[in-house]
Amino acid sequence: MKAMVLARVAPLAAEARPLDLREMPAPQIHADEVLIRVRACGVCHTDLDEIEGRTPPSSVPRILGHQIVGTIESTGTAVTGLLPGARVGVAWLSRTCGHCRFCTGGLENLCAEFVATGRDVDGGYAELVAAPAAAAFVLPSTFSDAEAAPLLCAGAIGFRSLMLAGIRDGDALGLTGFGASAHLVLQLARHRYPKSPVSVFARDEADRQFARDLGAAWAGDTLAAPPAPLAAIIDTTPAWRPVVRALRHLDRGGRLVINAIRKDDRDKSELLSIDYARDLWLEHEITSVANVTRADVRGFLDAAAVIPIRPHITTFPLDEANQAIAALAHGDRRGAIVLTM
């Protein structure tokens, strides 16, 4: 099979083409796994974090990709409920231990033995991928292959972020950064909380206009002040400055939800500008989002099909995965980026 393979971890500036097109042996499946012929795979900012070493693969070479859409080619001997030909999606969560207090309490995203698709095991930047049957989700027919791909991570992690924000209908919501996840969260929030105005903070005017087109009540620069204090803000940026600024826009008792695996340390000094009385007092809360649960993936897929949510996508063929990564890093595409096979 053909695959785009990460051979070494290095800054993108030093390794302009981090992925190699290789001919690889087809994966061998275990009894509880399915073999999937990949049709599309979303390109996530976490893939860039892997390439540059902020959340490095457990080993290299590694096939990245954790927003996988495809059809089942074959099933392991212990698999029930999934048949060859079924269209399924695979997300970031591959395996967990299944028996710790987090797994048994519906918080398998916090399991110490969390195995991530495309980081700890090979992912979907390939023609074929093996995945546990428990990690494969039958997809709604509402979406094309390319449309379904970003729902599996950008959408699911956005779904979890919105639930952690804890807002009620009518509460003002803020989104800092407006990429693949935030543009899906905005559509979900407008459906679930129709009375809640959504403010969007983004550096680029094109992103701000995109947010307005999707129904944002206000859109301004990252450093701008919204029309009124916000009950909750979801941050999806890779930097610290937006986090610090977001704290200043929270209402009393407001909550900041940080949806990022890693933050760039280049602006870490911004944290020193936090003032307790101005930024943290009056019961402001800060929480992070760690991975997703299977319930998050299924919950968002179900909601997206009913609303319906329409991701804005740009597609690249598999062998142009390096160009797709570059487009993601430079932020010159609206919405989500998807590789197609």
C-alpha atoms as a PDB file:
ATOM      1  CA  MET A   1       0.000   0.000   0.000  1.00  0.00           C
ATOM      2  CA  LYS A   2       1.013   3.626  -0.442  1.00  0.00           C
ATOM      3  CA  ALA A   3       1.527   5.738   2.681  1.00  0.00           C
ATOM      4  CA  MET A   4       2.927   9.118   3.670  1.00  0.00           C
ATOM      5  CA  VAL A   5       5.380   8.322   6.443  1.00  0.00           C
ATOM      6  CA  LEU A   6       7.001  10.499   9.124  1.00  0.00           C
ATOM      7  CA  ALA A   7      10.623   9.324   9.389  1.00  0.00           C
ATOM      8  CA  ARG A   8      11.994  11.916  11.810  1.00  0.00           C
ATOM      9  CA  VAL A   9      10.790  14.592  14.216  1.00  0.00           C
ATOM     10  CA  ALA A  10      12.010  18.085  13.337  1.00  0.00           C
ATOM     11  CA  PRO A  11      10.769  21.676  13.068  1.00  0.00           C
ATOM     12  CA  LEU A  12       8.819  22.212   9.877  1.00  0.00           C
ATOM     13  CA  ALA A  13      11.113  25.069   8.878  1.00  0.00           C
ATOM     14  CA  ALA A  14      14.077  22.686   8.954  1.00  0.00           C
ATOM     15  CA  GLU A  15      12.215  19.825   7.244  1.00  0.00           C
ATOM     16  CA  ALA A  16      10.062  21.360   4.521  1.00  0.00           C
ATOM     17  CA  ARG A  17       8.846  17.917   3.384  1.00  0.00           C
ATOM     18  CA  PRO A  18       8.550  15.921   6.628  1.00  0.00           C
ATOM     19  CA  LEU A  19       6.570  13.046   5.115  1.00  0.00           C
ATOM     20  CA  ASP A  20       7.932  10.461   2.657  1.00  0.00           C
ATOM     21  CA  LEU A  21       5.739   8.666   0.113  1.00  0.00           C
ATOM     22  CA  ARG A  22       6.532   4.974   0.576  1.00  0.00           C
ATOM     23  CA  GLU A  23       5.268   1.591  -0.456  1.00  0.00           C
ATOM     24  CA  MET A  24       4.444  -0.204   2.805  1.00  0.00           C
ATOM     25  CA  PRO A  25       3.196  -3.694   3.632  1.00  0.00           C
ATOM     26  CA  ALA A  26      -0.548  -3.908   4.290  1.00  0.00           C
ATOM     27  CA  PRO A  27      -1.379  -3.977   8.029  1.00  0.00           C
ATOM     28  CA  GLN A  28      -2.080  -7.313   9.671  1.00  0.00           C
ATOM     29  CA  ILE A  29      -5.143  -7.247  11.909  1.00  0.00           C
ATOM     30  CA  HIS A  30      -5.615  -8.854  15.339  1.00  0.00           C
ATOM     31  CA  ALA A  31      -8.748 -10.739  16.379  1.00  0.00           C
ATOM     32  CA  ASP A  32     -10.493  -7.601  17.709  1.00  0.00           C
ATOM     33  CA  GLU A  33      -9.527  -5.347  14.773  1.00  0.00           C
ATOM     34  CA  VAL A  34     -10.835  -4.384  11.358  1.00  0.00           C
ATOM     35  CA  LEU A  35      -8.877  -3.592   8.217  1.00  0.00           C
ATOM     36  CA  ILE A  36     -10.118  -0.372   6.590  1.00  0.00           C
ATOM     37  CA  ARG A  37      -9.552   0.899   3.058  1.00  0.00           C
ATOM     38  CA  VAL A  38      -9.076   4.615   3.607  1.00  0.00           C
ATOM     39  CA  ARG A  39     -11.122   7.034   1.508  1.00  0.00           C
ATOM     40  CA  ALA A  40     -10.270  10.280   3.341  1.00  0.00           C
ATOM     41  CA  CYS A  41      -8.241  11.439   6.327  1.00  0.00           C
ATOM     42  CA  GLY A  42      -8.406  14.835   7.991  1.00  0.00           C
ATOM     43  CA  VAL A  43      -5.229  16.821   8.652  1.00  0.00           C
ATOM     44  CA  CYS A  44      -5.158  18.023  12.263  1.00  0.00           C
ATOM     45  CA  HIS A  45      -2.981  20.536  14.113  1.00  0.00           C
ATOM     46  CA  THR A  46      -1.984  17.609  16.331  1.00  0.00           C
ATOM     47  CA  ASP A  47      -0.315  16.069  13.270  1.00  0.00           C
ATOM     48  CA  LEU A  48       1.854  19.176  13.084  1.00  0.00           C
ATOM     49  CA  ASP A  49       2.576  18.838  16.821  1.00  0.00           C
ATOM     50  CA  GLU A  50       3.760  15.289  16.162  1.00  0.00           C
ATOM     51  CA  ILE A  51       5.962  16.322  13.249  1.00  0.00           C
ATOM     52  CA  GLU A  52       7.629  19.097  15.244  1.00  0.00           C
ATOM     53  CA  GLY A  53       7.952  17.109  18.476  1.00  0.00           C
ATOM     54  CA  ARG A  54       5.472  18.849  20.789  1.00  0.00           C
ATOM     55  CA  THR A  55       3.603  15.546  21.112  1.00  0.00           C
ATOM     56  CA  PRO A  56       5.993  13.172  19.354  1.00  0.00           C
ATOM     57  CA  PRO A  57       5.083   9.711  18.060  1.00  0.00           C
ATOM     58  CA  SER A  58       5.967   6.860  20.387  1.00  0.00           C
ATOM     59  CA  SER A  59       8.303   5.640  17.623  1.00  0.00           C
ATOM     60  CA  VAL A  60       9.282   6.444  14.050  1.00  0.00           C
ATOM     61  CA  PRO A  61       8.729   5.777  11.254  1.00  0.00           C
ATOM     62  CA  ARG A  62       5.047   6.466  11.847  1.00  0.00           C
ATOM     63  CA  ILE A  63       2.011   6.930   9.605  1.00  0.00           C
ATOM     64  CA  LEU A  64       0.083   9.925  10.951  1.00  0.00           C
ATOM     65  CA  GLY A  65      -3.627  10.664  10.696  1.00  0.00           C
ATOM     66  CA  HIS A  66      -6.513  10.218  13.141  1.00  0.00           C
ATOM     67  CA  GLN A  67      -9.591  11.530  11.294  1.00  0.00           C
ATOM     68  CA  ILE A  68     -10.053   8.459   9.126  1.00  0.00           C
ATOM     69  CA  VAL A  69     -12.975   7.587   6.870  1.00  0.00           C
ATOM     70  CA  GLY A  70     -13.070   4.358   4.908  1.00  0.00           C
ATOM     71  CA  THR A  71     -14.770   1.040   4.251  1.00  0.00           C
ATOM     72  CA  ILE A  72     -14.100  -2.211   6.052  1.00  0.00           C
ATOM     73  CA  GLU A  73     -12.120  -4.682   3.976  1.00  0.00           C
ATOM     74  CA  SER A  74     -11.990  -7.502   6.517  1.00  0.00           C
ATOM     75  CA  THR A  75     -12.665  -8.195  10.189  1.00  0.00           C
ATOM     76  CA  GLY A  76     -10.856 -10.114  12.901  1.00  0.00           C
ATOM     77  CA  THR A  77     -12.221 -13.374  14.253  1.00  0.00           C
ATOM     78  CA  ALA A  78     -13.563 -11.751  17.459  1.00  0.00           C
ATOM     79  CA  VAL A  79     -15.331  -8.832  15.768  1.00  0.00           C
ATOM     80  CA  THR A  80     -19.123  -8.701  15.847  1.00  0.00           C
ATOM     81  CA  GLY A  81     -21.516  -6.038  14.592  1.00  0.00           C
ATOM     82  CA  LEU A  82     -19.268  -4.764  11.788  1.00  0.00           C
ATOM     83  CA  LEU A  83     -19.209  -6.282   8.322  1.00  0.00           C
ATOM     84  CA  PRO A  84     -17.024  -5.798   5.243  1.00  0.00           C
ATOM     85  CA  GLY A  85     -18.272  -2.914   3.136  1.00  0.00           C
ATOM     86  CA  ALA A  86     -19.484  -0.812   6.087  1.00  0.00           C
ATOM     87  CA  ARG A  87     -18.352   2.823   5.993  1.00  0.00           C
ATOM     88  CA  VAL A  88     -16.687   3.728   9.280  1.00  0.00           C
ATOM     89  CA  GLY A  89     -14.663   6.455  10.909  1.00  0.00           C
ATOM     90  CA  VAL A  90     -11.698   6.186  13.272  1.00  0.00           C
ATOM     91  CA  ALA A  91     -10.701   8.972  15.645  1.00  0.00           C
ATOM     92  CA  TRP A  92      -7.795   9.839  18.004  1.00  0.00           C
ATOM     93  CA  LEU A  93      -8.742   7.229  20.618  1.00  0.00           C
ATOM     94  CA  SER A  94      -7.436   3.824  19.556  1.00  0.00           C
ATOM     95  CA  ARG A  95      -7.205   1.850  22.805  1.00  0.00           C
ATOM     96  CA  THR A  96      -7.294   2.274  26.570  1.00  0.00           C
ATOM     97  CA  CYS A  97      -6.809  -0.232  29.388  1.00  0.00           C
ATOM     98  CA  GLY A  98     -10.577  -0.661  29.864  1.00  0.00           C
ATOM     99  CA  HIS A  99     -10.465  -1.337  33.610  1.00  0.00           C
ATOM    100  CA  CYS A 100      -9.047   1.709  35.454  1.00  0.00           C
ATOM    101  CA  ARG A 101     -11.364   4.125  37.274  1.00  0.00           C
ATOM    102  CA  PHE A 102     -11.317   6.496  34.309  1.00  0.00           C
ATOM    103  CA  CYS A 103     -12.262   3.819  31.767  1.00  0.00           C
ATOM    104  CA  THR A 104     -15.038   2.424  33.944  1.00  0.00           C
ATOM    105  CA  GLY A 105     -16.263   5.944  34.758  1.00  0.00           C
ATOM    106  CA  GLY A 106     -16.734   7.112  31.169  1.00  0.00           C
ATOM    107  CA  LEU A 107     -13.500   9.125  31.157  1.00  0.00           C
ATOM    108  CA  GLU A 108     -11.315   6.810  29.094  1.00  0.00           C
ATOM    109  CA  ASN A 109      -9.746   9.932  27.574  1.00  0.00           C
ATOM    110  CA  LEU A 110      -7.791  10.230  30.859  1.00  0.00           C
ATOM    111  CA  CYS A 111      -6.575   6.613  30.952  1.00  0.00           C
ATOM    112  CA  ALA A 112      -2.838   6.379  31.672  1.00  0.00           C
ATOM    113  CA  GLU A 113      -2.578   3.725  28.934  1.00  0.00           C
ATOM    114  CA  PHE A 114      -4.304   5.839  26.269  1.00  0.00           C
ATOM    115  CA  VAL A 115      -3.146   4.796  22.788  1.00  0.00           C
ATOM    116  CA  ALA A 116      -3.589   7.418  20.076  1.00  0.00           C
ATOM    117  CA  THR A 117      -4.301   6.682  16.432  1.00  0.00           C
ATOM    118  CA  GLY A 118      -1.553   8.052  14.188  1.00  0.00           C
ATOM    119  CA  ARG A 119       0.784   8.688  17.135  1.00  0.00           C
ATOM    120  CA  ASP A 120       1.212   5.417  19.052  1.00  0.00           C
ATOM    121  CA  VAL A 121      -0.087   3.211  16.217  1.00  0.00           C
ATOM    122  CA  ASP A 122      -0.163   3.873  12.484  1.00  0.00           C
ATOM    123  CA  GLY A 123      -2.966   6.081  11.197  1.00  0.00           C
ATOM    124  CA  GLY A 124      -4.771   7.101   8.064  1.00  0.00           C
ATOM    125  CA  TYR A 125      -2.240   8.838   5.814  1.00  0.00           C
ATOM    126  CA  ALA A 126      -2.297   5.574   3.878  1.00  0.00           C
ATOM    127  CA  GLU A 127      -4.427   3.426   1.626  1.00  0.00           C
ATOM    128  CA  LEU A 128      -5.118   0.908   4.408  1.00  0.00           C
ATOM    129  CA  VAL A 129      -5.268   1.089   8.199  1.00  0.00           C
ATOM    130  CA  ALA A 130      -5.916  -1.395  10.995  1.00  0.00           C
ATOM    131  CA  ALA A 131      -8.031  -0.295  13.962  1.00  0.00           C
ATOM    132  CA  PRO A 132      -9.791  -1.867  16.949  1.00  0.00           C
ATOM    133  CA  ALA A 133     -13.424  -2.566  16.109  1.00  0.00           C
ATOM    134  CA  ALA A 134     -14.381  -0.669  19.287  1.00  0.00           C
ATOM    135  CA  ALA A 135     -12.745   2.440  17.817  1.00  0.00           C
ATOM    136  CA  ALA A 136     -14.606   2.265  14.489  1.00  0.00           C
ATOM    137  CA  PHE A 137     -17.819   4.282  14.174  1.00  0.00           C
ATOM    138  CA  VAL A 138     -20.441   3.644  11.513  1.00  0.00           C
ATOM    139  CA  LEU A 139     -20.891   7.020   9.793  1.00  0.00           C
ATOM    140  CA  PRO A 140     -24.118   8.832   8.877  1.00  0.00           C
ATOM    141  CA  SER A 141     -24.828   8.794   5.154  1.00  0.00           C
ATOM    142  CA  THR A 142     -25.514  12.548   5.416  1.00  0.00           C
ATOM    143  CA  PHE A 143     -21.856  13.344   4.828  1.00  0.00           C
ATOM    144  CA  SER A 144     -19.429  12.673   2.012  1.00  0.00           C
ATOM    145  CA  ASP A 145     -16.160  10.961   2.934  1.00  0.00           C
ATOM    146  CA  ALA A 146     -14.245  14.259   2.966  1.00  0.00           C
ATOM    147  CA  GLU A 147     -16.972  16.013   4.984  1.00  0.00           C
ATOM    148  CA  ALA A 148     -17.071  13.227   7.572  1.00  0.00           C
ATOM    149  CA  ALA A 149     -13.314  13.242   8.256  1.00  0.00           C
ATOM    150  CA  PRO A 150     -13.026  16.470  10.322  1.00  0.00           C
ATOM    151  CA  LEU A 151     -16.078  15.495  12.378  1.00  0.00           C
ATOM    152  CA  LEU A 152     -14.016  12.706  13.969  1.00  0.00           C
ATOM    153  CA  CYS A 153     -11.516  14.962  15.777  1.00  0.00           C
ATOM    154  CA  ALA A 154     -12.071  18.675  15.138  1.00  0.00           C
ATOM    155  CA  GLY A 155     -15.780  18.102  15.676  1.00  0.00           C
ATOM    156  CA  ALA A 156     -15.569  15.604  18.543  1.00  0.00           C
ATOM    157  CA  ILE A 157     -13.009  17.622  20.518  1.00  0.00           C
ATOM    158  CA  GLY A 158     -15.112  20.725  19.891  1.00  0.00           C
ATOM    159  CA  PHE A 159     -18.163  18.850  21.188  1.00  0.00           C
ATOM    160  CA  ARG A 160     -16.283  17.972  24.389  1.00  0.00           C
ATOM    161  CA  SER A 161     -15.051  21.561  24.742  1.00  0.00           C
ATOM    162  CA  LEU A 162     -18.580  22.931  24.459  1.00  0.00           C
ATOM    163  CA  MET A 163     -19.845  20.483  27.076  1.00  0.00           C
ATOM    164  CA  LEU A 164     -17.011  21.484  29.424  1.00  0.00           C
ATOM    165  CA  ALA A 165     -17.875  25.161  28.884  1.00  0.00           C
ATOM    166  CA  GLY A 166     -21.085  24.465  30.782  1.00  0.00           C
ATOM    167  CA  ILE A 167     -23.152  27.275  29.298  1.00  0.00           C
ATOM    168  CA  ARG A 168     -26.930  27.595  29.314  1.00  0.00           C
ATOM    169  CA  ASP A 169     -29.029  28.946  26.476  1.00  0.00           C
ATOM    170  CA  GLY A 170     -28.630  32.713  26.522  1.00  0.00           C
ATOM    171  CA  ASP A 171     -25.097  32.729  27.981  1.00  0.00           C
ATOM    172  CA  ALA A 172     -22.534  34.531  25.849  1.00  0.00           C
ATOM    173  CA  LEU A 173     -19.859  32.242  24.377  1.00  0.00           C
ATOM    174  CA  GLY A 174     -16.439  33.169  23.000  1.00  0.00           C
ATOM    175  CA  LEU A 175     -14.191  31.261  20.588  1.00  0.00           C
ATOM    176  CA  THR A 176     -10.510  32.184  20.440  1.00  0.00           C
ATOM    177  CA  GLY A 177      -9.000  31.029  17.159  1.00  0.00           C
ATOM    178  CA  PHE A 178     -11.189  29.996  14.237  1.00  0.00           C
ATOM    179  CA  GLY A 179      -9.857  26.909  12.546  1.00  0.00           C
ATOM    180  CA  ALA A 180     -11.160  23.402  11.920  1.00  0.00           C
ATOM    181  CA  SER A 181     -12.589  22.831  15.398  1.00  0.00           C
ATOM    182  CA  ALA A 182     -13.992  26.294  16.141  1.00  0.00           C
ATOM    183  CA  HIS A 183     -15.936  26.580  12.884  1.00  0.00           C
ATOM    184  CA  LEU A 184     -17.746  23.349  13.798  1.00  0.00           C
ATOM    185  CA  VAL A 185     -18.296  24.413  17.426  1.00  0.00           C
ATOM    186  CA  LEU A 186     -19.922  27.642  16.223  1.00  0.00           C
ATOM    187  CA  GLN A 187     -22.450  25.686  14.159  1.00  0.00           C
ATOM    188  CA  LEU A 188     -23.142  23.307  17.061  1.00  0.00           C
ATOM    189  CA  ALA A 189     -23.512  26.143  19.588  1.00  0.00           C
ATOM    190  CA  ARG A 190     -25.926  28.094  17.402  1.00  0.00           C
ATOM    191  CA  HIS A 191     -28.149  25.025  17.151  1.00  0.00           C
ATOM    192  CA  ARG A 192     -27.920  23.899  20.787  1.00  0.00           C
ATOM    193  CA  TYR A 193     -28.007  27.371  22.362  1.00  0.00           C
ATOM    194  CA  PRO A 194     -29.938  29.559  19.882  1.00  0.00           C
ATOM    195  CA  LYS A 195     -30.214  32.489  22.334  1.00  0.00           C
ATOM    196  CA  SER A 196     -26.480  32.556  23.082  1.00  0.00           C
ATOM    197  CA  PRO A 197     -24.480  35.161  21.162  1.00  0.00           C
ATOM    198  CA  VAL A 198     -21.102  33.854  19.980  1.00  0.00           C
ATOM    199  CA  SER A 199     -18.051  36.125  19.796  1.00  0.00           C
ATOM    200  CA  VAL A 200     -15.004  35.045  17.787  1.00  0.00           C
ATOM    201  CA  PHE A 201     -11.420  36.239  18.240  1.00  0.00           C
ATOM    202  CA  ALA A 202      -9.108  35.690  15.255  1.00  0.00           C
ATOM    203  CA  ARG A 203      -6.010  37.413  13.882  1.00  0.00           C
ATOM    204  CA  ASP A 204      -7.022  37.227  10.238  1.00  0.00           C
ATOM    205  CA  GLU A 205      -9.899  39.320   8.856  1.00  0.00           C
ATOM    206  CA  ALA A 206     -10.799  36.513   6.440  1.00  0.00           C
ATOM    207  CA  ASP A 207     -11.304  34.195   9.434  1.00  0.00           C
ATOM    208  CA  ARG A 208     -13.383  36.847  11.172  1.00  0.00           C
ATOM    209  CA  GLN A 209     -15.591  37.262   8.110  1.00  0.00           C
ATOM    210  CA  PHE A 210     -15.909  33.478   7.852  1.00  0.00           C
ATOM    211  CA  ALA A 211     -17.139  33.463  11.461  1.00  0.00           C
ATOM    212  CA  ARG A 212     -19.700  36.174  10.718  1.00  0.00           C
ATOM    213  CA  ASP A 213     -20.901  34.240   7.690  1.00  0.00           C
ATOM    214  CA  LEU A 214     -21.499  31.226   9.957  1.00  0.00           C
ATOM    215  CA  GLY A 215     -23.517  33.305  12.398  1.00  0.00           C
ATOM    216  CA  ALA A 216     -21.097  34.826  14.901  1.00  0.00           C
ATOM    217  CA  ALA A 217     -22.689  37.830  16.624  1.00  0.00           C
ATOM    218  CA  TRP A 218     -19.300  39.586  16.793  1.00  0.00           C
ATOM    219  CA  ALA A 219     -15.819  38.884  15.439  1.00  0.00           C
ATOM    220  CA  GLY A 220     -12.679  40.830  16.283  1.00  0.00           C
ATOM    221  CA  ASP A 221      -8.919  40.641  16.598  1.00  0.00           C
ATOM    222  CA  THR A 222      -7.354  38.406  19.241  1.00  0.00           C
ATOM    223  CA  LEU A 223      -6.508  41.492  21.317  1.00  0.00           C
ATOM    224  CA  ALA A 224      -9.881  43.233  20.844  1.00  0.00           C
ATOM    225  CA  ALA A 225     -12.573  43.447  23.524  1.00  0.00           C
ATOM    226  CA  PRO A 226     -15.973  41.830  22.849  1.00  0.00           C
ATOM    227  CA  PRO A 227     -19.204  43.819  23.232  1.00  0.00           C
ATOM    228  CA  ALA A 228     -19.852  42.336  26.692  1.00  0.00           C
ATOM    229  CA  PRO A 229     -18.227  39.911  29.168  1.00  0.00           C
ATOM    230  CA  LEU A 230     -18.525  36.236  28.208  1.00  0.00           C
ATOM    231  CA  ALA A 231     -19.820  33.342  30.282  1.00  0.00           C
ATOM    232  CA  ALA A 232     -17.318  30.947  28.694  1.00  0.00           C
ATOM    233  CA  ILE A 233     -14.508  31.041  26.143  1.00  0.00           C
ATOM    234  CA  ILE A 234     -13.079  28.078  24.229  1.00  0.00           C
ATOM    235  CA  ASP A 235      -9.451  28.576  23.161  1.00  0.00           C
ATOM    236  CA  THR A 236      -8.139  26.542  20.218  1.00  0.00           C
ATOM    237  CA  THR A 237      -4.922  28.456  19.539  1.00  0.00           C
ATOM    238  CA  PRO A 238      -1.362  27.110  19.897  1.00  0.00           C
ATOM    239  CA  ALA A 239      -0.194  30.224  21.809  1.00  0.00           C
ATOM    240  CA  TRP A 240      -0.374  31.684  25.335  1.00  0.00           C
ATOM    241  CA  ARG A 241      -1.275  35.284  24.505  1.00  0.00           C
ATOM    242  CA  PRO A 242      -4.890  34.459  23.508  1.00  0.00           C
ATOM    243  CA  VAL A 243      -5.307  32.558  26.803  1.00  0.00           C
ATOM    244  CA  VAL A 244      -4.190  35.539  28.862  1.00  0.00           C
ATOM    245  CA  ARG A 245      -6.392  37.913  26.878  1.00  0.00           C
ATOM    246  CA  ALA A 246      -9.375  35.581  27.133  1.00  0.00           C
ATOM    247  CA  LEU A 247      -9.258  35.693  30.944  1.00  0.00           C
ATOM    248  CA  ARG A 248      -9.859  39.445  30.762  1.00  0.00           C
ATOM    249  CA  HIS A 249     -13.057  38.940  28.763  1.00  0.00           C
ATOM    250  CA  LEU A 250     -14.738  36.481  31.143  1.00  0.00           C
ATOM    251  CA  ASP A 251     -17.799  37.459  33.122  1.00  0.00           C
ATOM    252  CA  ARG A 252     -17.994  36.785  36.858  1.00  0.00           C
ATOM    253  CA  GLY A 253     -17.888  33.030  37.381  1.00  0.00           C
ATOM    254  CA  GLY A 254     -16.808  32.570  33.757  1.00  0.00           C
ATOM    255  CA  ARG A 255     -14.908  29.555  32.470  1.00  0.00           C
ATOM    256  CA  LEU A 256     -11.998  29.311  30.031  1.00  0.00           C
ATOM    257  CA  VAL A 257     -11.696  25.952  28.231  1.00  0.00           C
ATOM    258  CA  ILE A 258      -8.283  25.372  26.650  1.00  0.00           C
ATOM    259  CA  ASN A 259      -8.552  22.955  23.730  1.00  0.00           C
ATOM    260  CA  ALA A 260      -4.924  22.231  22.813  1.00  0.00           C
ATOM    261  CA  ILE A 261      -2.495  19.366  23.322  1.00  0.00           C
ATOM    262  CA  ARG A 262       0.503  21.680  23.607  1.00  0.00           C
ATOM    263  CA  LYS A 263       1.201  25.419  23.742  1.00  0.00           C
ATOM    264  CA  ASP A 264       4.130  27.089  22.015  1.00  0.00           C
ATOM    265  CA  ASP A 265       6.651  28.238  24.620  1.00  0.00           C
ATOM    266  CA  ARG A 266       7.821  31.173  22.487  1.00  0.00           C
ATOM    267  CA  ASP A 267       5.248  33.491  24.095  1.00  0.00           C
ATOM    268  CA  LYS A 268       5.233  31.844  27.517  1.00  0.00           C
ATOM    269  CA  SER A 269       6.344  35.147  29.058  1.00  0.00           C
ATOM    270  CA  GLU A 270       2.767  36.345  28.458  1.00  0.00           C
ATOM    271  CA  LEU A 271       1.772  34.318  31.512  1.00  0.00           C
ATOM    272  CA  LEU A 272       3.719  36.752  33.678  1.00  0.00           C
ATOM    273  CA  SER A 273       1.256  39.485  32.723  1.00  0.00           C
ATOM    274  CA  ILE A 274      -1.654  37.716  34.467  1.00  0.00           C
ATOM    275  CA  ASP A 275      -2.994  39.904  37.240  1.00  0.00           C
ATOM    276  CA  TYR A 276      -4.889  38.005  39.937  1.00  0.00           C
ATOM    277  CA  ALA A 277      -7.439  40.713  40.754  1.00  0.00           C
ATOM    278  CA  ARG A 278      -8.199  41.495  37.106  1.00  0.00           C
ATOM    279  CA  ASP A 279      -7.879  38.088  35.437  1.00  0.00           C
ATOM    280  CA  LEU A 280      -8.557  35.333  37.995  1.00  0.00           C
ATOM    281  CA  TRP A 281     -10.582  36.753  40.855  1.00  0.00           C
ATOM    282  CA  LEU A 282     -14.400  36.581  40.943  1.00  0.00           C
ATOM    283  CA  GLU A 283     -14.299  32.813  40.516  1.00  0.00           C
ATOM    284  CA  HIS A 284     -12.955  32.571  37.009  1.00  0.00           C
ATOM    285  CA  GLU A 285     -12.227  28.949  36.093  1.00  0.00           C
ATOM    286  CA  ILE A 286      -9.686  27.409  33.737  1.00  0.00           C
ATOM    287  CA  THR A 287      -9.962  23.843  32.451  1.00  0.00           C
ATOM    288  CA  SER A 288      -8.242  21.902  29.706  1.00  0.00           C
ATOM    289  CA  VAL A 289      -9.510  19.346  27.203  1.00  0.00           C
ATOM    290  CA  ALA A 290      -7.622  16.052  27.051  1.00  0.00           C
ATOM    291  CA  ASN A 291      -8.330  13.755  24.119  1.00  0.00           C
ATOM    292  CA  VAL A 292     -11.887  12.539  23.447  1.00  0.00           C
ATOM    293  CA  THR A 293     -14.087   9.700  24.662  1.00  0.00           C
ATOM    294  CA  ARG A 294     -16.007   7.363  22.388  1.00  0.00           C
ATOM    295  CA  ALA A 295     -19.170   9.071  23.651  1.00  0.00           C
ATOM    296  CA  ASP A 296     -17.844  12.423  22.396  1.00  0.00           C
ATOM    297  CA  VAL A 297     -17.301  11.033  18.912  1.00  0.00           C
ATOM    298  CA  ARG A 298     -20.714   9.372  18.746  1.00  0.00           C
ATOM    299  CA  GLY A 299     -22.423  12.387  20.323  1.00  0.00           C
ATOM    300  CA  PHE A 300     -21.010  14.784  17.783  1.00  0.00           C
ATOM    301  CA  LEU A 301     -21.652  12.505  14.796  1.00  0.00           C
ATOM    302  CA  ASP A 302     -25.287  12.186  15.847  1.00  0.00           C
ATOM    303  CA  ALA A 303     -25.682  15.941  16.413  1.00  0.00           C
ATOM    304  CA  ALA A 304     -23.908  16.838  13.173  1.00  0.00           C
ATOM    305  CA  ALA A 305     -26.230  14.607  11.152  1.00  0.00           C
ATOM    306  CA  VAL A 306     -29.379  16.084  12.698  1.00  0.00           C
ATOM    307  CA  ILE A 307     -28.484  19.794  12.508  1.00  0.00           C
ATOM    308  CA  PRO A 308     -26.847  19.198   9.915  1.00  0.00           C
ATOM    309  CA  ILE A 309     -23.372  20.633  10.390  1.00  0.00           C
ATOM    310  CA  ARG A 310     -21.448  21.319   7.188  1.00  0.00           C
ATOM    311  CA  PRO A 311     -17.672  21.454   7.543  1.00  0.00           C
ATOM    312  CA  HIS A 312     -15.834  23.807   5.215  1.00  0.00           C
ATOM    313  CA  ILE A 313     -13.056  21.692   3.688  1.00  0.00           C
ATOM    314  CA  THR A 314     -10.059  21.940   1.389  1.00  0.00           C
ATOM    315  CA  THR A 315      -8.869  18.639  -0.073  1.00  0.00           C
ATOM    316  CA  PHE A 316      -5.444  17.399  -1.153  1.00  0.00           C
ATOM    317  CA  PRO A 317      -4.565  14.004  -2.651  1.00  0.00           C
ATOM    318  CA  LEU A 318      -2.591  11.658  -0.393  1.00  0.00           C
ATOM    319  CA  ASP A 319       0.715  12.242  -2.180  1.00  0.00           C
ATOM    320  CA  GLU A 320       0.383  15.998  -1.494  1.00  0.00           C
ATOM    321  CA  ALA A 321       0.246  15.532   2.278  1.00  0.00           C
ATOM    322  CA  ASN A 322       3.331  17.753   2.712  1.00  0.00           C
ATOM    323  CA  GLN A 323       1.543  20.612   0.938  1.00  0.00           C
ATOM    324  CA  ALA A 324      -1.480  20.009   3.179  1.00  0.00           C
ATOM    325  CA  ILE A 325       0.681  20.202   6.304  1.00  0.00           C
ATOM    326  CA  ALA A 326       2.258  23.428   5.037  1.00  0.00           C
ATOM    327  CA  ALA A 327      -1.190  24.933   4.381  1.00  0.00           C
ATOM    328  CA  LEU A 328      -2.214  24.017   7.930  1.00  0.00           C
ATOM    329  CA  ALA A 329       0.938  25.503   9.441  1.00  0.00           C
ATOM    330  CA  HIS A 330       0.587  28.768   7.519  1.00  0.00           C
ATOM    331  CA  GLY A 331      -3.138  29.078   8.198  1.00  0.00           C
ATOM    332  CA  ASP A 332      -3.983  29.898   4.582  1.00  0.00           C
ATOM    333  CA  ARG A 333      -7.062  27.629   4.343  1.00  0.00           C
ATOM    334  CA  ARG A 334     -10.469  28.219   5.935  1.00  0.00           C
ATOM    335  CA  GLY A 335     -12.034  25.401   7.951  1.00  0.00           C
ATOM    336  CA  ALA A 336     -10.584  21.898   7.724  1.00  0.00           C
ATOM    337  CA  ILE A 337      -8.010  20.225   5.471  1.00  0.00           C
ATOM    338  CA  VAL A 338      -8.598  16.658   4.272  1.00  0.00           C
ATOM    339  CA  LEU A 339      -6.495  14.139   2.345  1.00  0.00           C
ATOM    340  CA  THR A 340      -8.410  12.054  -0.185  1.00  0.00           C
ATOM    341  CA  MET A 341      -7.395   8.676  -1.585  1.00  0.00           C
END
